[in-house]
C-alpha atoms as a PDB file:
ATOM      1  CA  MET A   1       0.068   0.153  -0.020  1.00  0.00           C
ATOM      2  CA  THR A   2       2.655   2.384  -1.124  1.00  0.00           C
ATOM      3  CA  GLU A   3       3.678   4.428  -3.512  1.00  0.00           C
ATOM      4  CA  LYS A   4       6.564   4.370  -5.831  1.00  0.00           C
ATOM      5  CA  SER A   5       9.565   5.773  -4.798  1.00  0.00           C
ATOM      6  CA  ASN A   6       9.508   8.806  -7.069  1.00  0.00           C
ATOM      7  CA  SER A   7       6.505  10.081  -6.031  1.00  0.00           C
ATOM      8  CA  ARG A   8       6.532   9.782  -2.335  1.00  0.00           C
ATOM      9  CA  ILE A   9       3.960  11.444  -0.230  1.00  0.00           C
ATOM     10  CA  TYR A  10       5.909  12.555   2.635  1.00  0.00           C
ATOM     11  CA  GLY A  11       3.102  13.269   4.740  1.00  0.00           C
ATOM     12  CA  PHE A  12       1.322  10.127   4.380  1.00  0.00           C
ATOM     13  CA  ASP A  13       4.691   8.636   5.534  1.00  0.00           C
ATOM     14  CA  LEU A  14       4.622  10.400   8.779  1.00  0.00           C
ATOM     15  CA  LEU A  15       0.633   9.916   9.508  1.00  0.00           C
ATOM     16  CA  ARG A  16       1.214   6.132   9.190  1.00  0.00           C
ATOM     17  CA  ILE A  17       3.946   5.890  11.519  1.00  0.00           C
ATOM     18  CA  ALA A  18       2.642   8.006  14.040  1.00  0.00           C
ATOM     19  CA  THR A  19      -0.575   6.094  13.588  1.00  0.00           C
ATOM     20  CA  MET A  20       1.461   2.825  14.218  1.00  0.00           C
ATOM     21  CA  MET A  21       3.205   3.833  17.103  1.00  0.00           C
ATOM     22  CA  ALA A  22      -0.178   4.430  18.808  1.00  0.00           C
ATOM     23  CA  ILE A  23      -1.457   0.986  17.586  1.00  0.00           C
ATOM     24  CA  LEU A  24       1.385  -0.758  18.693  1.00  0.00           C
ATOM     25  CA  TYR A  25       1.283   1.400  22.225  1.00  0.00           C
ATOM     26  CA  PHE A  26      -2.100   0.145  22.921  1.00  0.00           C
ATOM     27  CA  HIS A  27      -2.062  -3.285  21.659  1.00  0.00           C
ATOM     28  CA  VAL A  28       0.980  -4.052  24.087  1.00  0.00           C
ATOM     29  CA  TRP A  29      -1.142  -2.545  26.912  1.00  0.00           C
ATOM     30  CA  GLN A  30      -4.243  -4.603  26.095  1.00  0.00           C
ATOM     31  CA  PHE A  31      -1.836  -8.005  25.810  1.00  0.00           C
ATOM     32  CA  SER A  32      -0.142  -7.519  28.963  1.00  0.00           C
ATOM     33  CA  PHE A  33      -3.103  -6.278  30.915  1.00  0.00           C
ATOM     34  CA  PHE A  34      -6.319  -5.612  29.403  1.00  0.00           C
ATOM     35  CA  GLN A  35      -7.481  -2.921  31.950  1.00  0.00           C
ATOM     36  CA  ASP A  36      -8.935  -0.026  30.470  1.00  0.00           C
ATOM     37  CA  VAL A  37      -6.848   1.722  32.880  1.00  0.00           C
ATOM     38  CA  ILE A  38      -3.136   1.146  32.986  1.00  0.00           C
ATOM     39  CA  SER A  39      -2.339  -0.916  36.327  1.00  0.00           C
ATOM     40  CA  LEU A  40       1.275   0.485  36.844  1.00  0.00           C
ATOM     41  CA  PRO A  41       1.272   3.589  39.591  1.00  0.00           C
ATOM     42  CA  PRO A  42       3.116   6.297  38.491  1.00  0.00           C
ATOM     43  CA  GLU A  43       6.068   6.673  40.545  1.00  0.00           C
ATOM     44  CA  ILE A  44       7.271   3.995  39.036  1.00  0.00           C
ATOM     45  CA  SER A  45       6.537   4.101  35.442  1.00  0.00           C
ATOM     46  CA  ASN A  46       5.490   6.934  32.907  1.00  0.00           C
ATOM     47  CA  TYR A  47       3.973   4.507  30.570  1.00  0.00           C
ATOM     48  CA  HIS A  48       0.351   5.266  31.068  1.00  0.00           C
ATOM     49  CA  ASN A  49       1.386   9.203  31.162  1.00  0.00           C
ATOM     50  CA  LEU A  50       1.476   8.668  26.884  1.00  0.00           C
ATOM     51  CA  THR A  51      -2.079   7.742  26.801  1.00  0.00           C
ATOM     52  CA  GLY A  52      -3.478  11.240  27.122  1.00  0.00           C
ATOM     53  CA  TRP A  53      -1.589  12.264  24.120  1.00  0.00           C
ATOM     54  CA  VAL A  54      -1.880   8.926  22.270  1.00  0.00           C
ATOM     55  CA  GLY A  55      -5.092   8.559  23.192  1.00  0.00           C
ATOM     56  CA  ASP A  56      -6.762  11.820  22.296  1.00  0.00           C
ATOM     57  CA  THR A  57      -4.804  11.700  19.509  1.00  0.00           C
ATOM     58  CA  PHE A  58      -5.501   8.368  17.489  1.00  0.00           C
ATOM     59  CA  LYS A  59      -8.434   6.958  19.332  1.00  0.00           C
ATOM     60  CA  TYR A  60      -9.439   5.997  15.752  1.00  0.00           C
ATOM     61  CA  GLY A  61      -5.857   4.761  14.787  1.00  0.00           C
ATOM     62  CA  GLY A  62      -7.109   1.152  13.140  1.00  0.00           C
ATOM     63  CA  LEU A  63      -9.476   2.850  11.264  1.00  0.00           C
ATOM     64  CA  PHE A  64      -7.013   5.515  10.129  1.00  0.00           C
ATOM     65  CA  ILE A  65      -4.955   3.669   8.573  1.00  0.00           C
ATOM     66  CA  VAL A  66      -7.660   1.718   6.617  1.00  0.00           C
ATOM     67  CA  ALA A  67      -8.371   5.468   5.331  1.00  0.00           C
ATOM     68  CA  LEU A  68      -4.818   6.012   4.452  1.00  0.00           C
ATOM     69  CA  SER A  69      -4.407   2.362   2.766  1.00  0.00           C
ATOM     70  CA  PHE A  70      -7.478   2.816   0.280  1.00  0.00           C
ATOM     71  CA  PHE A  71      -7.102   5.994  -0.517  1.00  0.00           C
ATOM     72  CA  LEU A  72      -3.601   4.937  -1.966  1.00  0.00           C
ATOM     73  CA  ILE A  73      -5.122   1.642  -3.127  1.00  0.00           C
ATOM     74  CA  GLY A  74      -7.708   3.904  -4.893  1.00  0.00           C
ATOM     75  CA  LEU A  75      -5.196   6.246  -6.769  1.00  0.00           C
ATOM     76  CA  LYS A  76      -3.877   3.658  -8.970  1.00  0.00           C
ATOM     77  CA  THR A  77      -5.904   3.052 -12.433  1.00  0.00           C
ATOM     78  CA  ARG A  78      -3.596  -0.550 -12.087  1.00  0.00           C
ATOM     79  CA  ALA A  79      -2.218  -2.688  -9.539  1.00  0.00           C
ATOM     80  CA  LYS A  80      -1.356  -5.890  -8.617  1.00  0.00           C
ATOM     81  CA  GLN A  81      -3.686  -6.996  -5.540  1.00  0.00           C
ATOM     82  CA  SER A  82      -1.865 -10.416  -5.064  1.00  0.00           C
ATOM     83  CA  MET A  83       0.687  -9.797  -2.838  1.00  0.00           C
ATOM     84  CA  ARG A  84      -2.033  -7.797  -0.738  1.00  0.00           C
ATOM     85  CA  PHE A  85      -4.377 -10.620  -0.726  1.00  0.00           C
ATOM     86  CA  PHE A  86      -1.703 -12.835   0.305  1.00  0.00           C
ATOM     87  CA  VAL A  87      -1.007 -11.081   3.043  1.00  0.00           C
ATOM     88  CA  LEU A  88      -4.423 -10.393   4.083  1.00  0.00           C
ATOM     89  CA  ILE A  89      -5.450 -13.912   4.047  1.00  0.00           C
ATOM     90  CA  PHE A  90      -1.875 -15.233   5.618  1.00  0.00           C
ATOM     91  CA  GLY A  91      -3.136 -12.519   8.492  1.00  0.00           C
ATOM     92  CA  LEU A  92      -6.217 -13.786   8.510  1.00  0.00           C
ATOM     93  CA  ILE A  93      -5.805 -17.918   8.731  1.00  0.00           C
ATOM     94  CA  THR A  94      -2.535 -17.565  11.148  1.00  0.00           C
ATOM     95  CA  LEU A  95      -4.734 -14.942  13.971  1.00  0.00           C
ATOM     96  CA  SER A  96      -7.801 -16.891  13.438  1.00  0.00           C
ATOM     97  CA  ILE A  97      -5.954 -19.979  14.502  1.00  0.00           C
ATOM     98  CA  SER A  98      -3.750 -18.712  17.429  1.00  0.00           C
ATOM     99  CA  THR A  99      -7.118 -17.090  19.267  1.00  0.00           C
ATOM    100  CA  ALA A 100      -9.341 -19.515  18.174  1.00  0.00           C
ATOM    101  CA  THR A 101     -11.259 -22.355  20.833  1.00  0.00           C
ATOM    102  CA  GLU A 102     -10.898 -25.189  17.939  1.00  0.00           C
ATOM    103  CA  PRO A 103      -8.057 -23.788  15.662  1.00  0.00           C
ATOM    104  CA  MET A 104      -8.792 -26.655  13.019  1.00  0.00           C
ATOM    105  CA  ASN A 105     -12.408 -25.633  12.726  1.00  0.00           C
ATOM    106  CA  PRO A 106     -12.626 -22.475  10.252  1.00  0.00           C
ATOM    107  CA  SER A 107     -16.164 -21.874  12.367  1.00  0.00           C
ATOM    108  CA  THR A 108     -14.804 -21.204  15.269  1.00  0.00           C
ATOM    109  CA  TRP A 109     -12.315 -18.453  14.318  1.00  0.00           C
ATOM    110  CA  ASP A 110     -13.446 -14.831  15.564  1.00  0.00           C
ATOM    111  CA  TRP A 111     -14.166 -12.201  12.868  1.00  0.00           C
ATOM    112  CA  ASP A 112     -11.181  -9.471  12.925  1.00  0.00           C
ATOM    113  CA  VAL A 113      -9.278  -6.846  11.194  1.00  0.00           C
ATOM    114  CA  TYR A 114      -7.821  -9.446   8.696  1.00  0.00           C
ATOM    115  CA  SER A 115     -11.407 -10.406   7.754  1.00  0.00           C
ATOM    116  CA  TYR A 116     -12.579  -7.099   7.292  1.00  0.00           C
ATOM    117  CA  LEU A 117     -10.079  -5.871   5.200  1.00  0.00           C
ATOM    118  CA  ILE A 118     -10.131  -9.039   2.683  1.00  0.00           C
ATOM    119  CA  PHE A 119     -14.123  -8.031   2.521  1.00  0.00           C
ATOM    120  CA  SER A 120     -13.052  -4.568   2.060  1.00  0.00           C
ATOM    121  CA  LEU A 121     -10.768  -4.896  -0.780  1.00  0.00           C
ATOM    122  CA  LEU A 122     -12.824  -7.534  -2.741  1.00  0.00           C
ATOM    123  CA  LEU A 123     -15.450  -4.587  -2.450  1.00  0.00           C
ATOM    124  CA  VAL A 124     -13.725  -1.502  -3.586  1.00  0.00           C
ATOM    125  CA  ILE A 125     -11.842  -3.303  -6.291  1.00  0.00           C
ATOM    126  CA  SER A 126     -14.803  -4.489  -8.113  1.00  0.00           C
ATOM    127  CA  LEU A 127     -16.748  -1.244  -8.121  1.00  0.00           C
ATOM    128  CA  PRO A 128     -16.278   0.424 -11.625  1.00  0.00           C
ATOM    129  CA  ARG A 129     -14.243   3.798 -11.657  1.00  0.00           C
ATOM    130  CA  ASN A 130     -17.012   5.309 -13.004  1.00  0.00           C
ATOM    131  CA  ALA A 131     -17.474   9.344 -11.039  1.00  0.00           C
ATOM    132  CA  VAL A 132     -21.291   9.371 -11.291  1.00  0.00           C
ATOM    133  CA  LEU A 133     -20.964   6.070  -9.144  1.00  0.00           C
ATOM    134  CA  ARG A 134     -18.347   7.463  -6.824  1.00  0.00           C
ATOM    135  CA  TRP A 135     -19.612  10.462  -6.280  1.00  0.00           C
ATOM    136  CA  ALA A 136     -22.761   8.678  -5.401  1.00  0.00           C
ATOM    137  CA  LEU A 137     -20.894   6.222  -3.244  1.00  0.00           C
ATOM    138  CA  ILE A 138     -18.888   9.426  -1.298  1.00  0.00           C
ATOM    139  CA  LEU A 139     -22.503  11.071  -0.151  1.00  0.00           C
ATOM    140  CA  ALA A 140     -23.691   7.509   0.908  1.00  0.00           C
ATOM    141  CA  SER A 141     -20.837   6.858   2.640  1.00  0.00           C
ATOM    142  CA  LEU A 142     -20.587  10.058   4.373  1.00  0.00           C
ATOM    143  CA  VAL A 143     -24.578   9.268   5.599  1.00  0.00           C
ATOM    144  CA  LEU A 144     -23.755   5.913   6.898  1.00  0.00           C
ATOM    145  CA  LEU A 145     -20.605   6.802   8.530  1.00  0.00           C
ATOM    146  CA  SER A 146     -22.945   9.550  10.741  1.00  0.00           C
ATOM    147  CA  VAL A 147     -25.193   7.063  11.315  1.00  0.00           C
ATOM    148  CA  PRO A 148     -25.057   6.236  15.215  1.00  0.00           C
ATOM    149  CA  PHE A 149     -24.511   2.020  15.615  1.00  0.00           C
ATOM    150  CA  ALA A 150     -27.476   1.891  17.823  1.00  0.00           C
ATOM    151  CA  ASN A 151     -29.328   2.678  15.111  1.00  0.00           C
ATOM    152  CA  TYR A 152     -28.227   0.023  13.191  1.00  0.00           C
ATOM    153  CA  GLU A 153     -28.202  -2.867  15.832  1.00  0.00           C
ATOM    154  CA  SER A 154     -32.228  -1.728  16.033  1.00  0.00           C
ATOM    155  CA  PHE A 155     -33.128  -1.255  13.012  1.00  0.00           C
ATOM    156  CA  LEU A 156     -31.361  -4.613  11.379  1.00  0.00           C
ATOM    157  CA  LYS A 157     -31.628  -6.485  14.237  1.00  0.00           C
ATOM    158  CA  ILE A 158     -28.459  -7.426  14.964  1.00  0.00           C
ATOM    159  CA  GLN A 159     -27.152  -9.960  17.070  1.00  0.00           C
ATOM    160  CA  ASP A 160     -23.797  -9.826  18.811  1.00  0.00           C
ATOM    161  CA  SER A 161     -22.902 -13.403  17.399  1.00  0.00           C
ATOM    162  CA  VAL A 162     -23.945 -12.142  14.123  1.00  0.00           C
ATOM    163  CA  GLN A 163     -21.957  -8.794  14.106  1.00  0.00           C
ATOM    164  CA  PHE A 164     -19.771  -9.075  16.098  1.00  0.00           C
ATOM    165  CA  THR A 165     -17.698  -6.817  18.569  1.00  0.00           C
ATOM    166  CA  GLY A 166     -15.259  -4.963  16.406  1.00  0.00           C
ATOM    167  CA  TRP A 167     -14.596  -3.930  12.948  1.00  0.00           C
ATOM    168  CA  ASN A 168     -18.609  -4.314  12.594  1.00  0.00           C
ATOM    169  CA  LEU A 169     -19.285  -4.367   8.669  1.00  0.00           C
ATOM    170  CA  MET A 170     -21.940  -1.687   9.307  1.00  0.00           C
ATOM    171  CA  PRO A 171     -21.270   0.814   9.175  1.00  0.00           C
ATOM    172  CA  TRP A 172     -17.732   0.552   9.056  1.00  0.00           C
ATOM    173  CA  LEU A 173     -17.897  -1.018   5.504  1.00  0.00           C
ATOM    174  CA  ALA A 174     -18.488   2.611   4.300  1.00  0.00           C
ATOM    175  CA  LEU A 175     -15.229   3.883   4.866  1.00  0.00           C
ATOM    176  CA  PRO A 176     -12.583   2.497   3.041  1.00  0.00           C
ATOM    177  CA  VAL A 177     -15.389   2.939   0.260  1.00  0.00           C
ATOM    178  CA  LEU A 178     -15.249   6.380   1.058  1.00  0.00           C
ATOM    179  CA  PHE A 179     -11.632   6.944   0.859  1.00  0.00           C
ATOM    180  CA  HIS A 180     -11.119   4.655  -2.265  1.00  0.00           C
ATOM    181  CA  SER A 181     -13.828   6.289  -4.349  1.00  0.00           C
ATOM    182  CA  ILE A 182     -12.037   9.768  -3.136  1.00  0.00           C
ATOM    183  CA  ALA A 183      -8.922   8.885  -4.473  1.00  0.00           C
ATOM    184  CA  VAL A 184     -10.941   7.504  -7.529  1.00  0.00           C
ATOM    185  CA  ILE A 185     -12.135  11.057  -8.143  1.00  0.00           C
ATOM    186  CA  TRP A 186      -9.008  12.759  -7.475  1.00  0.00           C
ATOM    187  CA  SER A 187      -7.167  10.454  -9.925  1.00  0.00           C
ATOM    188  CA  GLN A 188      -9.435  11.346 -12.580  1.00  0.00           C
ATOM    189  CA  ARG A 189      -9.260  14.926 -11.951  1.00  0.00           C
ATOM    190  CA  PHE A 190      -5.604  15.550 -11.701  1.00  0.00           C
ATOM    191  CA  SER A 191      -2.858  14.442 -13.628  1.00  0.00           C
ATOM    192  CA  VAL A 192      -0.376  14.187 -10.792  1.00  0.00           C
ATOM    193  CA  THR A 193      -1.392  13.097  -7.236  1.00  0.00           C
ATOM    194  CA  VAL A 194      -0.058  16.223  -5.105  1.00  0.00           C
ATOM    195  CA  GLN A 195      -2.488  19.479  -5.955  1.00  0.00           C
ATOM    196  CA  LYS A 196      -2.247  23.052  -3.905  1.00  0.00           C
ATOM    197  CA  ARG A 197      -4.639  24.222  -1.930  1.00  0.00           C
ATOM    198  CA  LYS A 198      -7.494  26.664  -3.033  1.00  0.00           C
ATOM    199  CA  ASN A 199      -7.613  29.635  -1.009  1.00  0.00           C
ATOM    200  CA  TRP A 200     -11.277  28.692   0.185  1.00  0.00           C
ATOM    201  CA  GLU A 201     -10.195  25.312   1.576  1.00  0.00           C
ATOM    202  CA  TRP A 202      -8.281  26.624   4.572  1.00  0.00           C
ATOM    203  CA  ALA A 203     -11.827  28.031   5.809  1.00  0.00           C
ATOM    204  CA  ALA A 204     -13.674  25.022   5.096  1.00  0.00           C
ATOM    205  CA  TRP A 205     -11.232  22.917   7.245  1.00  0.00           C
ATOM    206  CA  ILE A 206     -10.886  24.835  10.167  1.00  0.00           C
ATOM    207  CA  GLY A 207     -14.449  26.158  10.532  1.00  0.00           C
ATOM    208  CA  THR A 208     -15.279  22.598  10.140  1.00  0.00           C
ATOM    209  CA  ILE A 209     -12.962  21.266  13.085  1.00  0.00           C
ATOM    210  CA  VAL A 210     -13.404  24.067  15.145  1.00  0.00           C
ATOM    211  CA  LEU A 211     -17.453  23.575  14.464  1.00  0.00           C
ATOM    212  CA  LEU A 212     -16.904  19.866  15.716  1.00  0.00           C
ATOM    213  CA  PHE A 213     -14.700  20.591  18.664  1.00  0.00           C
ATOM    214  CA  VAL A 214     -17.355  23.094  20.037  1.00  0.00           C
ATOM    215  CA  VAL A 215     -20.108  20.682  19.296  1.00  0.00           C
ATOM    216  CA  THR A 216     -18.808  17.167  20.665  1.00  0.00           C
ATOM    217  CA  PRO A 217     -19.617  15.955  24.073  1.00  0.00           C
ATOM    218  CA  ASP A 218     -17.160  15.072  26.314  1.00  0.00           C
ATOM    219  CA  TYR A 219     -17.756  11.128  26.304  1.00  0.00           C
ATOM    220  CA  GLY A 220     -15.082  10.296  28.831  1.00  0.00           C
ATOM    221  CA  PRO A 221     -11.239   8.781  29.264  1.00  0.00           C
ATOM    222  CA  PHE A 222     -10.472   6.339  25.898  1.00  0.00           C
ATOM    223  CA  PRO A 223     -10.944   2.849  27.341  1.00  0.00           C
ATOM    224  CA  ALA A 224      -7.777   0.789  26.370  1.00  0.00           C
ATOM    225  CA  GLY A 225      -8.676  -2.574  27.551  1.00  0.00           C
ATOM    226  CA  PRO A 226     -12.078  -4.172  27.181  1.00  0.00           C
ATOM    227  CA  GLY A 227     -14.140  -1.151  26.642  1.00  0.00           C
ATOM    228  CA  PHE A 228     -12.008  -0.328  23.344  1.00  0.00           C
ATOM    229  CA  GLU A 229     -14.242  -1.963  20.844  1.00  0.00           C
ATOM    230  CA  ALA A 230     -17.467  -0.802  22.104  1.00  0.00           C
ATOM    231  CA  TYR A 231     -16.089   3.063  22.479  1.00  0.00           C
ATOM    232  CA  VAL A 232     -14.788   3.163  19.120  1.00  0.00           C
ATOM    233  CA  PHE A 233     -16.405   0.775  16.954  1.00  0.00           C
ATOM    234  CA  LYS A 234     -19.902   1.096  18.181  1.00  0.00           C
ATOM    235  CA  GLN A 235     -19.759   4.749  17.223  1.00  0.00           C
ATOM    236  CA  LYS A 236     -20.609   8.052  18.126  1.00  0.00           C
ATOM    237  CA  PRO A 237     -21.084   9.876  15.029  1.00  0.00           C
ATOM    238  CA  LEU A 238     -19.538  13.427  16.494  1.00  0.00           C
ATOM    239  CA  MET A 239     -16.766  11.883  18.016  1.00  0.00           C
ATOM    240  CA  PHE A 240     -15.851   9.656  14.982  1.00  0.00           C
ATOM    241  CA  TRP A 241     -16.087  13.393  12.262  1.00  0.00           C
ATOM    242  CA  LYS A 242     -14.161  15.218  15.395  1.00  0.00           C
ATOM    243  CA  HIS A 243     -11.260  13.178  14.724  1.00  0.00           C
ATOM    244  CA  PHE A 244     -11.171  11.832  11.287  1.00  0.00           C
ATOM    245  CA  ALA A 245     -12.169  15.603  10.214  1.00  0.00           C
ATOM    246  CA  VAL A 246      -8.383  16.346  11.866  1.00  0.00           C
ATOM    247  CA  PHE A 247      -6.811  13.113  10.188  1.00  0.00           C
ATOM    248  CA  MET A 248      -8.208  14.310   6.678  1.00  0.00           C
ATOM    249  CA  PHE A 249      -7.127  17.749   6.803  1.00  0.00           C
ATOM    250  CA  LEU A 250      -3.836  16.466   7.117  1.00  0.00           C
ATOM    251  CA  MET A 251      -4.098  14.162   4.562  1.00  0.00           C
ATOM    252  CA  ARG A 252      -4.891  17.264   2.579  1.00  0.00           C
ATOM    253  CA  LEU A 253      -2.002  19.487   3.679  1.00  0.00           C
ATOM    254  CA  SER A 254       0.126  16.257   2.889  1.00  0.00           C
ATOM    255  CA  LEU A 255      -1.402  16.610  -0.903  1.00  0.00           C
ATOM    256  CA  ASP A 256       0.001  19.967  -1.366  1.00  0.00           C
ATOM    257  CA  PRO A 257       3.260  20.229  -3.409  1.00  0.00           C
ATOM    258  CA  ARG A 258       4.836  22.767  -1.807  1.00  0.00           C
ATOM    259  CA  ILE A 259       4.451  20.733   1.746  1.00  0.00           C
ATOM    260  CA  ASN A 260       5.344  17.392   0.378  1.00  0.00           C
ATOM    261  CA  ALA A 261       8.318  19.390  -1.247  1.00  0.00           C
ATOM    262  CA  ALA A 262       9.422  20.977   2.250  1.00  0.00           C
ATOM    263  CA  ILE A 263       8.859  17.717   4.260  1.00  0.00           C
ATOM    264  CA  GLY A 264      11.093  15.887   1.542  1.00  0.00           C
ATOM    265  CA  LYS A 265      14.114  18.310   1.990  1.00  0.00           C
ATOM    266  CA  VAL A 266      14.220  17.583   5.666  1.00  0.00           C
ATOM    267  CA  LYS A 267      17.266  15.850   7.048  1.00  0.00           C
ATOM    268  CA  GLY A 268      16.515  12.283   7.237  1.00  0.00           C
ATOM    269  CA  MET A 269      13.040  12.380   5.838  1.00  0.00           C
ATOM    270  CA  GLN A 270      13.799  10.067   2.546  1.00  0.00           C
ATOM    271  CA  TRP A 271      15.649   7.305   5.340  1.00  0.00           C
ATOM    272  CA  PHE A 272      12.094   7.542   7.105  1.00  0.00           C
ATOM    273  CA  SER A 273      10.455   7.148   3.920  1.00  0.00           C
ATOM    274  CA  ASN A 274      11.856   4.204   3.203  1.00  0.00           C
ATOM    275  CA  LEU A 275      11.276   2.421   6.600  1.00  0.00           C
ATOM    276  CA  ALA A 276      10.171  -1.014   6.088  1.00  0.00           C
ATOM    277  CA  TRP A 277       6.972   0.199   8.396  1.00  0.00           C
ATOM    278  CA  ASN A 278       6.732   2.539   5.372  1.00  0.00           C
ATOM    279  CA  LYS A 279       7.823   0.205   2.161  1.00  0.00           C
ATOM    280  CA  HIS A 280       6.060  -2.792   3.147  1.00  0.00           C
ATOM    281  CA  PHE A 281       3.170  -1.961   5.725  1.00  0.00           C
ATOM    282  CA  GLY A 282       1.248  -4.739   5.645  1.00  0.00           C
ATOM    283  CA  VAL A 283       4.003  -7.260   6.392  1.00  0.00           C
ATOM    284  CA  ALA A 284       5.205  -5.302   9.106  1.00  0.00           C
ATOM    285  CA  TYR A 285       2.057  -5.191  10.436  1.00  0.00           C
ATOM    286  CA  PHE A 286       1.314  -8.818  10.375  1.00  0.00           C
ATOM    287  CA  MET A 287       5.022  -9.592  11.888  1.00  0.00           C
ATOM    288  CA  HIS A 288       4.315  -7.162  14.769  1.00  0.00           C
ATOM    289  CA  LEU A 289       1.596  -9.490  16.080  1.00  0.00           C
ATOM    290  CA  ALA A 290       4.204 -11.995  16.950  1.00  0.00           C
ATOM    291  CA  PHE A 291       5.724 -10.123  19.813  1.00  0.00           C
ATOM    292  CA  LEU A 292       2.770  -9.008  21.309  1.00  0.00           C
ATOM    293  CA  PRO A 293       2.454 -12.131  23.822  1.00  0.00           C
ATOM    294  CA  MET A 294       5.569 -11.275  25.049  1.00  0.00           C
ATOM    295  CA  GLY A 295       4.097  -8.486  27.237  1.00  0.00           C
ATOM    296  CA  LEU A 296       2.241 -11.425  28.984  1.00  0.00           C
ATOM    297  CA  HIS A 297       4.902 -13.909  29.529  1.00  0.00           C
ATOM    298  CA  TYR A 298       6.554 -11.525  31.138  1.00  0.00           C
ATOM    299  CA  MET A 299       4.841 -10.125  33.558  1.00  0.00           C
ATOM    300  CA  ASP A 300       6.769 -11.395  36.709  1.00  0.00           C
ATOM    301  CA  PHE A 301       9.661  -9.678  34.708  1.00  0.00           C
ATOM    302  CA  TRP A 302       7.565  -6.566  34.636  1.00  0.00           C
ATOM    303  CA  GLY A 303       6.464  -6.333  37.963  1.00  0.00           C
ATOM    304  CA  HIS A 304      10.413  -6.266  39.543  1.00  0.00           C
ATOM    305  CA  TYR A 305      11.899  -3.925  36.498  1.00  0.00           C
ATOM    306  CA  PRO A 306       8.510  -1.960  35.829  1.00  0.00           C
ATOM    307  CA  ARG A 307      10.629   0.665  33.610  1.00  0.00           C
ATOM    308  CA  ALA A 308      11.806  -2.048  31.073  1.00  0.00           C
ATOM    309  CA  PHE A 309       8.160  -2.497  30.143  1.00  0.00           C
ATOM    310  CA  GLU A 310       7.912   1.169  28.861  1.00  0.00           C
ATOM    311  CA  TRP A 311      10.109  -0.043  26.230  1.00  0.00           C
ATOM    312  CA  LEU A 312       8.842  -2.922  25.269  1.00  0.00           C
ATOM    313  CA  TRP A 313       6.470  -1.349  22.248  1.00  0.00           C
ATOM    314  CA  LEU A 314       9.863   0.503  21.332  1.00  0.00           C
ATOM    315  CA  PHE A 315      11.433  -2.559  21.038  1.00  0.00           C
ATOM    316  CA  ILE A 316       8.751  -4.361  18.991  1.00  0.00           C
ATOM    317  CA  PHE A 317       8.895  -1.706  16.462  1.00  0.00           C
ATOM    318  CA  VAL A 318      12.122  -1.475  15.676  1.00  0.00           C
ATOM    319  CA  ALA A 319      12.841  -5.558  15.674  1.00  0.00           C
ATOM    320  CA  VAL A 320       9.929  -5.830  13.133  1.00  0.00           C
ATOM    321  CA  GLU A 321      11.899  -3.117  11.377  1.00  0.00           C
ATOM    322  CA  VAL A 322      14.765  -5.244  11.182  1.00  0.00           C
ATOM    323  CA  ILE A 323      12.887  -8.303  10.405  1.00  0.00           C
ATOM    324  CA  VAL A 324      11.210  -6.924   7.479  1.00  0.00           C
ATOM    325  CA  ARG A 325      13.844  -5.332   5.886  1.00  0.00           C
ATOM    326  CA  SER A 326      16.080  -8.055   6.517  1.00  0.00           C
ATOM    327  CA  ILE A 327      13.312 -10.546   4.503  1.00  0.00           C
ATOM    328  CA  TYR A 328      13.149  -8.017   1.754  1.00  0.00           C
ATOM    329  CA  VAL A 329      17.003  -7.631   1.208  1.00  0.00           C
ATOM    330  CA  LEU A 330      17.303 -11.385   1.225  1.00  0.00           C
ATOM    331  CA  GLN A 331      14.671 -11.888  -1.438  1.00  0.00           C
ATOM    332  CA  SER A 332      15.783  -8.991  -3.779  1.00  0.00           C
ATOM    333  CA  ALA A 333      19.311 -10.735  -3.084  1.00  0.00           C
ATOM    334  CA  PHE A 334      17.518 -14.390  -3.746  1.00  0.00           C
ATOM    335  CA  LYS A 335      16.099 -12.905  -7.298  1.00  0.00           C
ATOM    336  CA  THR A 336      19.337 -11.719  -8.477  1.00  0.00           C
ATOM    337  CA  LYS A 337      21.065 -14.812  -8.115  1.00  0.00           C
ATOM    338  CA  VAL A 338      18.323 -16.502  -9.738  1.00  0.00           C
ATOM    339  CA  VAL A 339      18.515 -14.373 -12.722  1.00  0.00           C
ATOM    340  CA  ARG A 340      22.184 -14.663 -12.541  1.00  0.00           C
ATOM    341  CA  LEU A 341      21.496 -18.572 -13.055  1.00  0.00           C
ATOM    342  CA  LEU A 342      19.005 -18.177 -15.516  1.00  0.00           C
ATOM    343  CA  SER A 343      20.979 -15.849 -17.936  1.00  0.00           C
END
């Protein structure tokens, strides 16, 4: 889900890594404690002090990644989907087997993010890239994402056993359709991806964001344990749009050629964009899941050395980067060797 090296959208790379760091932080927390409030007291650990910033900024991290990824997929008129499907299906099977009560019985597998992504990808690539249809889908998606989940639950008589806890098809199937359709329209209107902002955009974006922050009620502390899925996926539309408006504004800024060029000139940005977490995000995301049980298995160790726990999520980020980068270096070397042997 990345662009070619000569057409990097550097702001997207920054958004992707920042969002993934927040996701990784919460995943480590959930796997270790599965509590809505961290149990380590502040006098021995600063780990939970990050929840204010991370929680308020990236409550919808998984949904942000979906939006960003499907926008990038939609920009490409032709794209090979085989690798994406391989990673998604492999992730689905691996995650389902590792969490199911009867691993060899697919009927016991839970609906999860990989199930949702496979369904979403099949849907968006099957839709025609017709502008009229896509405008209609954009409007329909905006409406669907603005309806409280309780209405879907009541109207469709959704049972928990059918609707599942997280990554509900309604309304969240509208999210990849929305951003894929926006990208399709964008690619048809402009010959190049990055486009300068219009003067009126500043007032529209900032006015919308300020209005949403003013009218959105306080729904209380952000839970990062058992209450997470109900808080995020059984959405309160005002809270959802409050955060997504900001994220979409940052995406739009990233698509401004002046901002893209300025970010690209920052020292170290080229290296940052070439991180495996950016270039091979799907593989890296899957790989990080293998490290999460460490939090639970080392609970006694964390009890004696609580500050070490603060570094676990950063260790996983670095370890995954090294592993995935190594995999692709070896793959490239293998291909080169095969070509030489055949030539």
